[in-house]
């Protein structure tokens, strides 16, 4: 069974930083053509896309509200895909999920999520 595991969440004050990591060894070590996404779900809201990175190409994309603050990384060969989050605001609070989209077959694998809490 493919496992996708997030780590690195926690609580931080507004203006602070956190780094999230997504591990999916059964997928990452096989170097599949895939896109790895980070989503955020605030309480009572839908799950919204935050950022994505293509492996092995390395191209990235971000939603407008995190551009310049968040950086997604994790090139082919690296064991995790990380999301460095700087200058956090209370609006960044939520449960963050990693999704691995394997392009061949269009299969998605989700992690269970990790909590990020930003206080003012």
Protein backbone atom coordinates (compact mmCIF):
# COMPACT_ATOMS: atom_id res chain seq x y z
CA UNK A 1 0.00 0.00 0.00
CA UNK A 2 1.35 3.37 -1.01
CA UNK A 3 1.85 5.71 1.94
CA UNK A 4 2.08 9.47 1.79
CA UNK A 5 3.18 11.01 5.09
CA UNK A 6 3.33 14.67 6.04
CA UNK A 7 5.53 16.04 8.81
CA UNK A 8 6.75 19.34 10.23
CA UNK A 9 3.53 21.07 11.21
CA UNK A 10 2.93 22.84 14.48
CA UNK A 11 2.17 26.21 16.01
CA UNK A 12 3.92 29.47 15.25
CA UNK A 13 3.26 33.15 15.72
CA UNK A 14 2.34 35.41 12.86
CA UNK A 15 5.45 36.33 10.87
CA UNK A 16 7.16 33.06 11.72
CA UNK A 17 8.23 30.13 9.55
CA UNK A 18 7.57 26.42 9.27
CA UNK A 19 8.76 23.72 6.90
CA UNK A 20 6.50 20.85 5.93
CA UNK A 21 7.79 17.64 4.40
CA UNK A 22 5.99 15.03 2.33
CA UNK A 23 7.44 11.52 2.12
CA UNK A 24 6.21 8.83 -0.27
CA UNK A 25 9.10 6.41 -0.65
CA UNK A 26 7.22 3.84 -2.76
CA UNK A 27 6.63 6.56 -5.33
CA UNK A 28 9.61 8.87 -5.01
CA UNK A 29 12.30 6.21 -5.22
CA UNK A 30 10.79 4.80 -8.39
CA UNK A 31 11.10 8.18 -10.13
CA UNK A 32 7.63 8.10 -11.63
CA UNK A 33 6.47 11.04 -13.72
CA UNK A 34 4.34 12.83 -11.16
CA UNK A 35 3.20 16.09 -9.68
CA UNK A 36 3.31 16.60 -5.93
CA UNK A 37 0.89 19.12 -4.46
CA UNK A 38 0.32 20.76 -1.11
CA UNK A 39 -3.23 21.68 -0.17
CA UNK A 40 -4.63 23.60 2.81
CA UNK A 41 -7.98 23.07 4.42
CA UNK A 42 -9.13 25.70 6.87
CA UNK A 43 -11.85 24.75 9.34
CA UNK A 44 -15.21 24.57 7.63
CA UNK A 45 -13.75 25.23 4.21
CA UNK A 46 -12.84 23.16 1.19
CA UNK A 47 -9.38 21.88 0.52
CA UNK A 48 -7.51 24.50 -1.52
CA UNK A 49 -4.37 24.14 -3.59
CA UNK A 50 -1.28 25.89 -2.24
CA UNK A 51 1.62 24.78 -4.44
CA UNK A 52 2.82 22.01 -6.72
CA UNK A 53 6.04 20.65 -8.17
CA UNK A 54 6.61 18.35 -11.12
CA UNK A 55 9.03 15.46 -10.75
CA UNK A 56 11.35 14.96 -12.55
CA UNK A 57 11.01 18.26 -14.38
CA UNK A 58 11.13 20.48 -11.31
CA UNK A 59 8.68 23.11 -12.51
CA UNK A 60 6.65 24.70 -9.74
CA UNK A 61 3.41 26.60 -9.34
CA UNK A 62 1.87 28.58 -6.48
CA UNK A 63 -1.43 30.20 -5.71
CA UNK A 64 -1.20 33.96 -5.68
CA UNK A 65 -1.61 34.43 -1.93
CA UNK A 66 1.57 32.46 -1.10
CA UNK A 67 3.87 33.69 -3.87
CA UNK A 68 7.02 35.17 -2.42
CA UNK A 69 6.40 33.55 0.97
CA UNK A 70 6.26 29.80 0.29
CA UNK A 71 8.77 27.66 -1.57
CA UNK A 72 8.12 24.10 -2.71
CA UNK A 73 11.14 21.91 -3.40
CA UNK A 74 11.96 18.29 -3.95
CA UNK A 75 13.68 17.44 -7.18
CA UNK A 76 13.87 13.95 -8.58
CA UNK A 77 16.07 11.78 -6.42
CA UNK A 78 15.27 13.61 -3.20
CA UNK A 79 13.28 11.60 -0.67
CA UNK A 80 10.81 14.32 0.26
CA UNK A 81 8.94 17.24 -1.19
CA UNK A 82 9.15 20.18 1.18
CA UNK A 83 7.11 23.31 1.60
CA UNK A 84 9.02 26.14 3.24
CA UNK A 85 6.55 28.65 4.61
CA UNK A 86 7.80 32.09 5.64
CA UNK A 87 6.09 35.20 6.92
CA UNK A 88 3.10 33.16 8.00
CA UNK A 89 -0.22 34.83 8.75
CA UNK A 90 -3.30 33.63 10.60
CA UNK A 91 -4.91 33.00 7.20
CA UNK A 92 -2.37 30.21 6.65
CA UNK A 93 -3.84 28.21 9.53
CA UNK A 94 -5.32 24.87 8.59
CA UNK A 95 -4.65 21.23 7.89
CA UNK A 96 -2.06 20.77 5.16
CA UNK A 97 -2.27 17.77 2.89
CA UNK A 98 0.23 16.31 0.46
CA UNK A 99 -1.11 14.77 -2.73
CA UNK A 100 0.98 12.79 -5.17
CA UNK A 101 -0.53 12.67 -8.65
CA UNK A 102 0.97 9.93 -10.75
CA UNK A 103 0.56 11.05 -14.34
CA UNK A 104 0.45 7.55 -15.86
CA UNK A 105 -3.01 6.33 -15.02
CA UNK A 106 -4.07 9.57 -13.36
CA UNK A 107 -3.88 8.12 -9.85
CA UNK A 108 -3.87 10.33 -6.75
CA UNK A 109 -2.40 9.41 -3.38
CA UNK A 110 -3.24 11.56 -0.36
CA UNK A 111 -1.59 11.92 3.00
CA UNK A 112 -3.60 12.16 6.20
CA UNK A 113 -2.75 15.82 6.73
CA UNK A 114 -0.86 17.82 9.30
CA UNK A 115 -1.96 20.80 11.37
CA UNK A 116 -0.46 24.26 11.02
CA UNK A 117 -1.65 26.85 13.51
CA UNK A 118 -0.59 30.48 13.17
CA UNK A 119 -1.50 32.76 16.05
CA UNK A 120 -1.54 36.54 16.06
